Amino acid sequence: MNFKNVAIESIAYALPEEVWTSADVEAKLAPVYERLRLPEGRLELMTGIQERRFYPAGTPASVASAQAGEAALAKSSFKREQIDLLIHSAVCRDRLEPATAAYVHGLLKLSGQAQIFDVSNACLGFLNAMVVAGSMIESGQIERALICSGENGRPLVEHTLQQLLNPELTRQSIKPYFANLTIGAGAVSAVLCRRGLTAKSCPLMTAAVVETDTSHNELCQGDSAGDALEMLTNSEELLVAGIGVATRAWAQFVNATGWTADTIDRIITHQVGKAHSRELFKALGLDLAKDFTTFESLGNIGSVSCPITLARAMEQGAYCEGEKAALLGIGSGLSSIMMAVEWPKS
């Protein structure tokens, strides 16, 4: 997929105030650590995640999404009445029906002419939504889109902590739950528009490729458990399968863009942890010095992780005008989207 007329006109995020350090999480699991003789500091040592954030219990996904949406609109040169399309792209949602986008639309007081719907594809949802909205802009169906995602991993992490206190669990049987302890919360939003509608200096979406392998769709599965959430992950096999999908996607990306590991200035990935980053960059032959990470302070925020990392890279001057960025997204299922984003000099 090639794009010639799609700009990322603004991108912003919102974070909850409550912070849980990895030491805090381990303290809640003290009986388990003692019984199984697990070393303290194991969680941070294995993942590189020092802390993550959570919204208060009962916070709807729409509220988080709308907070980020307000932040993106505040940075935008467009009025909210000019938004033609709203997509909510998180794993978390308020309920099965109506679409969570309906609640976000109401909270943001967008126009009655704005089309709304949800796009959900595990951790890849926001990039999927960018491709959908970008394609609609490219084809002339719309001129401006607002993409929002709000994820709150608190119910999942709290339910996981309760499950791990089961005295019958062993070192082996706790493994499928471990990935849950890396999850955090946050929200991100972006305004996409047809190039030329704004005089602002904006990064441009120029290309995107996709690689899907659903033979691995059982390696990470989440569902509801009463009022809580649960997820089981085969982390070791998921890493291997994910690297395989990413390797094939990268070959497509290089062919579609003509970019190489040397010509890319900044690389933004889905934020899982230090082992995932290390193995991914090694497999693709990329320079870790070009990586920009947020997992250390935010953990894994699902669909929010890749775009919030882009937003923070821009905020901190790690991605600037005149530079090329590669967004390397992946979601359980498995599916990968790799997107080329080029920021022309003004």
Protein backbone atom coordinates (compact mmCIF):
# COMPACT_ATOMS: atom_id res chain seq x y z
CA MET A 1 0.00 0.00 0.00
CA ASN A 2 1.44 3.32 -1.09
CA PHE A 3 0.25 6.72 0.12
CA LYS A 4 0.96 10.08 -1.49
CA ASN A 5 -1.48 12.37 0.26
CA VAL A 6 -1.77 11.33 3.93
CA ALA A 7 -0.30 13.45 6.73
CA ILE A 8 -0.16 12.77 10.46
CA GLU A 9 -1.36 16.28 11.32
CA SER A 10 -1.18 15.83 15.10
CA ILE A 11 -0.51 13.06 17.58
CA ALA A 12 -0.90 13.18 21.36
CA TYR A 13 -1.37 10.95 24.37
CA ALA A 14 -2.78 10.85 27.88
CA LEU A 15 -1.47 8.78 30.80
CA PRO A 16 -3.09 7.75 34.07
CA GLU A 17 -1.52 8.99 37.30
CA GLU A 18 -1.30 5.73 39.26
CA VAL A 19 2.12 4.07 38.93
CA TRP A 20 2.93 0.44 39.74
CA THR A 21 6.61 -0.42 39.74
CA SER A 22 7.73 -3.95 38.98
CA ALA A 23 8.82 -4.12 42.62
CA ASP A 24 5.24 -3.23 43.63
CA VAL A 25 3.89 -6.08 41.50
CA GLU A 26 6.36 -8.54 42.98
CA ALA A 27 5.44 -7.40 46.50
CA LYS A 28 1.84 -8.44 45.79
CA LEU A 29 3.19 -11.85 44.81
CA ALA A 30 5.46 -12.28 47.85
CA PRO A 31 3.85 -15.60 48.92
CA VAL A 32 4.36 -17.02 45.42
CA TYR A 33 7.95 -15.84 45.20
CA GLU A 34 8.72 -17.33 48.59
CA ARG A 35 7.01 -20.66 47.91
CA LEU A 36 8.60 -21.14 44.47
CA ARG A 37 11.92 -19.55 45.52
CA LEU A 38 11.83 -16.97 42.77
CA PRO A 39 14.47 -14.22 43.00
CA GLU A 40 13.29 -10.68 43.72
CA GLY A 41 13.74 -8.34 40.77
CA ARG A 42 13.00 -11.13 38.31
CA LEU A 43 10.21 -9.20 36.54
CA GLU A 44 12.26 -6.10 35.78
CA LEU A 45 15.40 -8.11 35.01
CA MET A 46 13.66 -10.26 32.39
CA THR A 47 11.59 -7.53 30.73
CA GLY A 48 13.39 -4.24 31.35
CA ILE A 49 10.06 -2.81 32.55
CA GLN A 50 10.55 -0.65 35.61
CA GLU A 51 6.98 0.59 35.96
CA ARG A 52 3.59 0.84 34.32
CA ARG A 53 0.50 2.98 34.91
CA PHE A 54 -3.17 2.25 35.57
CA TYR A 55 -6.46 4.10 35.50
CA PRO A 56 -8.76 3.89 38.52
CA ALA A 57 -10.90 0.77 38.67
CA GLY A 58 -13.97 1.03 36.46
CA THR A 59 -12.54 3.59 34.02
CA PRO A 60 -14.16 2.93 30.60
CA ALA A 61 -11.98 2.64 27.51
CA SER A 62 -13.97 5.47 25.94
CA VAL A 63 -12.95 7.91 28.67
CA ALA A 64 -9.26 7.13 28.16
CA SER A 65 -9.63 7.38 24.37
CA ALA A 66 -11.45 10.69 24.64
CA GLN A 67 -8.71 12.15 26.87
CA ALA A 68 -6.14 11.42 24.18
CA GLY A 69 -8.56 12.62 21.50
CA GLU A 70 -8.91 15.98 23.25
CA ALA A 71 -5.12 16.25 23.42
CA ALA A 72 -4.76 15.53 19.68
CA LEU A 73 -7.50 18.02 18.80
CA ALA A 74 -5.83 20.66 20.98
CA LYS A 75 -2.64 20.26 18.93
CA SER A 76 -4.50 20.17 15.62
CA SER A 77 -5.13 23.14 13.34
CA PHE A 78 -8.61 21.74 12.62
CA LYS A 79 -11.82 22.25 14.54
CA ARG A 80 -13.56 19.15 15.91
CA GLU A 81 -16.53 19.88 13.63
CA GLN A 82 -14.25 19.21 10.64
CA ILE A 83 -13.47 15.60 11.57
CA ASP A 84 -15.03 13.26 8.99
CA LEU A 85 -14.19 9.92 10.62
CA LEU A 86 -13.59 8.64 14.15
CA ILE A 87 -12.04 5.21 14.76
CA HIS A 88 -11.63 3.67 18.21
CA SER A 89 -8.88 1.07 17.82
CA ALA A 90 -8.22 -0.43 21.25
CA VAL A 91 -8.42 -3.98 22.55
CA CYS A 92 -10.41 -2.56 25.47
CA ARG A 93 -13.96 -1.43 24.79
CA ASP A 94 -16.91 -0.29 26.87
CA ARG A 95 -19.23 -3.12 25.79
CA LEU A 96 -20.06 -5.27 22.79
CA GLU A 97 -22.71 -2.85 21.50
CA PRO A 98 -22.70 -0.04 20.57
CA ALA A 99 -19.22 0.57 19.22
CA THR A 100 -16.98 2.26 21.78
CA ALA A 101 -16.47 4.92 19.10
CA ALA A 102 -20.05 6.00 19.81
CA TYR A 103 -19.11 6.94 23.38
CA VAL A 104 -15.86 8.61 22.31
CA HIS A 105 -17.79 10.62 19.70
CA GLY A 106 -20.19 11.82 22.37
CA LEU A 107 -17.46 12.75 24.82
CA LEU A 108 -15.57 14.69 22.14
CA LYS A 109 -18.74 16.34 20.80
CA LEU A 110 -17.82 15.65 17.19
CA SER A 111 -20.03 16.47 14.22
CA GLY A 112 -23.15 14.51 13.38
CA GLN A 113 -21.66 14.01 9.91
CA ALA A 114 -18.65 12.10 11.32
CA GLN A 115 -18.61 8.42 10.48
CA ILE A 116 -17.73 6.22 13.50
CA PHE A 117 -16.65 2.63 14.02
CA ASP A 118 -14.26 0.41 15.98
CA VAL A 119 -11.23 -1.40 14.59
CA SER A 120 -9.83 -4.13 16.82
CA ASN A 121 -6.83 -6.33 16.08
CA ALA A 122 -4.97 -6.96 19.34
CA CYS A 123 -1.87 -4.76 19.67
CA LEU A 124 -1.98 -3.87 15.96
CA GLY A 125 -5.33 -2.06 16.03
CA PHE A 126 -4.06 1.54 15.86
CA LEU A 127 -1.83 0.85 12.85
CA ASN A 128 -4.72 -0.98 11.18
CA ALA A 129 -6.88 2.09 11.78
CA MET A 130 -4.19 4.33 10.28
CA VAL A 131 -4.18 2.20 7.12
CA VAL A 132 -8.00 2.26 6.90
CA ALA A 133 -8.26 6.01 7.49
CA GLY A 134 -5.27 6.71 5.25
CA SER A 135 -6.83 4.69 2.43
CA MET A 136 -10.10 6.62 2.78
CA ILE A 137 -8.20 9.91 2.63
CA GLU A 138 -6.12 8.74 -0.32
CA SER A 139 -9.24 7.71 -2.24
CA GLY A 140 -10.96 11.04 -1.60
CA GLN A 141 -13.79 9.64 0.56
CA ILE A 142 -12.80 11.80 3.55
CA GLU A 143 -10.36 14.59 4.31
CA ARG A 144 -9.75 14.27 8.05
CA ALA A 145 -9.81 11.36 10.50
CA LEU A 146 -9.34 11.05 14.25
CA ILE A 147 -7.98 7.75 15.55
CA CYS A 148 -8.18 7.06 19.28
CA SER A 149 -7.11 4.18 21.49
CA GLY A 150 -7.46 3.83 25.25
CA GLU A 151 -6.20 0.70 26.98
CA ASN A 152 -6.55 -0.14 30.67
CA GLY A 153 -4.77 -3.33 31.68
CA ARG A 154 -5.71 -3.01 35.35
CA PRO A 155 -8.51 -5.64 35.35
CA LEU A 156 -6.21 -8.10 33.57
CA VAL A 157 -3.27 -7.53 35.92
CA GLU A 158 -5.41 -7.63 39.07
CA HIS A 159 -7.11 -10.85 37.97
CA THR A 160 -3.72 -12.35 37.10
CA LEU A 161 -2.37 -11.51 40.56
CA GLN A 162 -5.31 -13.35 42.14
CA GLN A 163 -4.73 -16.38 39.92
CA LEU A 164 -1.02 -16.50 40.71
CA LEU A 165 -1.72 -16.75 44.42
CA ASN A 166 -3.18 -20.23 43.81
CA PRO A 167 -0.95 -22.52 45.93
CA GLU A 168 -1.20 -25.31 43.37
CA LEU A 169 0.70 -23.40 40.68
CA THR A 170 4.26 -24.44 39.90
CA ARG A 171 7.19 -22.67 38.23
CA GLN A 172 6.07 -24.23 34.97
CA SER A 173 2.35 -23.51 35.27
CA ILE A 174 2.82 -19.81 36.06
CA LYS A 175 4.60 -19.17 32.75
CA PRO A 176 1.46 -18.47 30.62
CA TYR A 177 0.50 -15.71 33.09
CA PHE A 178 3.85 -13.94 33.22
CA ALA A 179 3.32 -11.75 30.14
CA ASN A 180 0.22 -10.26 31.80
CA LEU A 181 2.41 -8.61 34.42
CA THR A 182 4.05 -6.46 31.73
CA ILE A 183 0.75 -4.82 30.76
CA GLY A 184 0.03 -1.16 31.52
CA ALA A 185 -2.49 1.54 30.62
CA GLY A 186 -2.63 4.72 28.58
CA ALA A 187 -4.22 6.38 25.59
CA VAL A 188 -3.10 7.88 22.29
CA SER A 189 -4.77 9.70 19.41
CA ALA A 190 -3.82 11.05 16.01
CA VAL A 191 -5.42 13.35 13.44
CA LEU A 192 -4.77 12.21 9.86
CA CYS A 193 -5.59 14.51 6.97
CA ARG A 194 -5.16 14.98 3.25
CA ARG A 195 -1.77 16.48 2.53
CA GLY A 196 -2.06 20.17 1.74
CA LEU A 197 -4.96 20.90 4.09
CA THR A 198 -2.61 22.30 6.70
CA ALA A 199 0.45 24.51 6.53
CA LYS A 200 1.96 22.72 9.52
CA SER A 201 5.09 20.62 9.14
CA CYS A 202 3.75 17.07 9.39
CA PRO A 203 5.10 13.53 9.04
CA LEU A 204 3.66 11.76 6.01
CA MET A 205 2.49 8.15 5.76
CA THR A 206 4.14 6.94 2.56
CA ALA A 207 3.75 3.16 2.57
CA ALA A 208 2.56 0.18 4.61
CA VAL A 209 2.94 -3.57 4.21
CA VAL A 210 1.23 -6.43 6.00
CA GLU A 211 2.21 -10.02 6.79
CA THR A 212 -0.23 -12.41 8.49
CA ASP A 213 0.24 -15.96 9.76
CA THR A 214 -2.82 -17.24 11.61
CA SER A 215 -1.32 -20.67 12.22
CA HIS A 216 -0.06 -19.12 15.46
CA ASN A 217 -3.40 -17.70 16.63
CA GLU A 218 -3.44 -19.84 19.79
CA LEU A 219 -0.18 -18.52 21.27
CA CYS A 220 -1.76 -15.48 22.95
CA GLN A 221 -5.47 -15.58 23.75
CA GLY A 222 -7.47 -13.21 25.92
CA ASP A 223 -11.07 -13.31 27.07
CA SER A 224 -13.42 -12.12 29.77
CA ALA A 225 -13.65 -13.95 33.09
CA GLY A 226 -16.81 -12.68 34.74
CA ASP A 227 -16.10 -9.04 35.58
CA ALA A 228 -12.37 -9.52 35.02
CA LEU A 229 -10.09 -10.22 32.08
CA GLU A 230 -7.74 -13.11 31.53
CA MET A 231 -5.00 -13.84 29.02
CA LEU A 232 -2.72 -16.81 28.49
CA THR A 233 0.50 -16.40 26.49
CA ASN A 234 3.15 -18.85 25.38
CA SER A 235 5.84 -16.19 25.49
CA GLU A 236 8.71 -18.27 24.15
CA GLU A 237 6.86 -19.62 21.11
CA LEU A 238 5.16 -16.27 20.50
CA LEU A 239 8.54 -14.54 20.32
CA VAL A 240 9.86 -17.04 17.78
CA ALA A 241 6.69 -16.92 15.66
CA GLY A 242 6.56 -13.12 15.88
CA ILE A 243 10.14 -12.78 14.69
CA GLY A 244 9.29 -15.04 11.74
CA VAL A 245 6.30 -12.91 10.73
CA ALA A 246 8.30 -9.71 11.22
CA THR A 247 11.17 -11.01 9.10
CA ARG A 248 8.83 -11.66 6.19
CA ALA A 249 7.13 -8.29 6.67
CA TRP A 250 10.51 -6.54 6.70
CA ALA A 251 11.44 -8.09 3.34
CA GLN A 252 8.20 -6.68 1.92
CA PHE A 253 8.85 -3.30 3.55
CA VAL A 254 12.33 -2.94 2.03
CA ASN A 255 10.99 -3.92 -1.40
CA ALA A 256 8.01 -1.52 -1.19
CA THR A 257 9.90 1.52 0.10
CA GLY A 258 13.43 1.11 -1.20
CA TRP A 259 14.56 1.95 2.32
CA THR A 260 17.29 -0.02 4.05
CA ALA A 261 18.47 -0.42 7.61
CA ASP A 262 21.01 2.33 6.87
CA THR A 263 18.63 4.91 5.39
CA ILE A 264 16.09 4.78 8.25
CA ASP A 265 16.72 7.37 10.95
CA ARG A 266 14.37 6.14 13.70
CA ILE A 267 12.68 2.82 14.41
CA ILE A 268 9.49 2.60 16.47
CA THR A 269 8.24 -0.86 17.47
CA HIS A 270 5.44 -2.35 19.49
CA GLN A 271 6.70 -2.22 23.08
CA VAL A 272 6.94 -5.69 24.64
CA GLY A 273 10.24 -5.67 26.51
CA LYS A 274 13.99 -5.71 26.12
CA ALA A 275 14.27 -9.35 24.99
CA HIS A 276 11.75 -8.81 22.18
CA SER A 277 13.53 -5.64 21.00
CA ARG A 278 16.93 -7.30 21.08
CA GLU A 279 15.83 -10.37 19.14
CA LEU A 280 13.80 -8.38 16.60
CA PHE A 281 16.63 -6.00 15.77
CA LYS A 282 19.09 -8.89 15.54
CA ALA A 283 16.82 -10.84 13.16
CA LEU A 284 16.21 -7.85 10.89
CA GLY A 285 19.79 -6.62 10.94
CA LEU A 286 18.83 -3.28 12.50
CA ASP A 287 20.91 -0.98 14.66
CA LEU A 288 19.58 -0.86 18.24
CA ALA A 289 20.90 2.70 18.46
CA LYS A 290 18.01 3.71 16.16
CA ASP A 291 15.43 2.22 18.52
CA PHE A 292 13.26 4.48 20.68
CA THR A 293 11.57 2.76 23.58
CA THR A 294 8.90 3.46 26.19
CA PHE A 295 8.41 0.00 27.70
CA GLU A 296 10.77 0.83 30.59
CA SER A 297 8.31 3.37 32.04
CA LEU A 298 5.00 2.41 30.42
CA GLY A 299 5.12 -1.37 29.97
CA ASN A 300 3.10 -2.96 27.17
CA ILE A 301 -0.05 -0.89 26.48
CA GLY A 302 -1.43 -3.02 23.67
CA SER A 303 -2.58 -1.01 20.66
CA VAL A 304 -1.37 2.22 22.30
CA SER A 305 2.27 1.14 22.54
CA CYS A 306 3.58 1.78 19.02
CA PRO A 307 1.83 5.14 18.38
CA ILE A 308 2.51 6.51 21.88
CA THR A 309 6.18 5.70 21.36
CA LEU A 310 6.10 7.66 18.09
CA ALA A 311 4.42 10.57 19.89
CA ARG A 312 7.04 10.62 22.64
CA ALA A 313 9.89 10.32 20.14
CA MET A 314 8.57 13.43 18.37
CA GLU A 315 8.02 15.20 21.69
CA GLN A 316 11.57 14.50 22.85
CA GLY A 317 13.23 15.37 19.53
CA ALA A 318 14.25 11.79 18.82
CA TYR A 319 12.31 11.94 15.53
CA CYS A 320 12.46 15.27 13.68
CA GLU A 321 11.90 17.05 10.38
CA GLY A 322 13.95 15.64 7.52
CA GLU A 323 13.97 12.13 8.98
CA LYS A 324 12.51 8.75 8.05
CA ALA A 325 10.84 6.53 10.62
CA ALA A 326 9.76 2.90 10.35
CA LEU A 327 6.83 1.80 12.50
CA LEU A 328 7.11 -1.94 13.11
CA GLY A 329 3.84 -3.21 14.56
CA ILE A 330 2.76 -6.72 15.47
CA GLY A 331 -0.31 -8.21 17.09
CA SER A 332 -1.25 -11.63 18.37
CA GLY A 333 -3.00 -13.64 15.74
CA LEU A 334 -0.32 -13.18 14.27
CA SER A 335 -0.18 -10.14 12.03
CA SER A 336 2.39 -7.44 11.35
CA ILE A 337 2.10 -4.00 9.76
CA MET A 338 5.25 -2.08 8.91
CA MET A 339 4.68 1.55 8.00
CA ALA A 340 6.98 4.13 6.41
CA VAL A 341 6.65 7.64 7.83
CA GLU A 342 8.68 10.45 6.29
CA TRP A 343 8.85 13.96 7.76
CA PRO A 344 9.79 16.51 5.05
CA LYS A 345 11.80 19.58 5.97
CA SER A 346 9.64 22.69 6.08
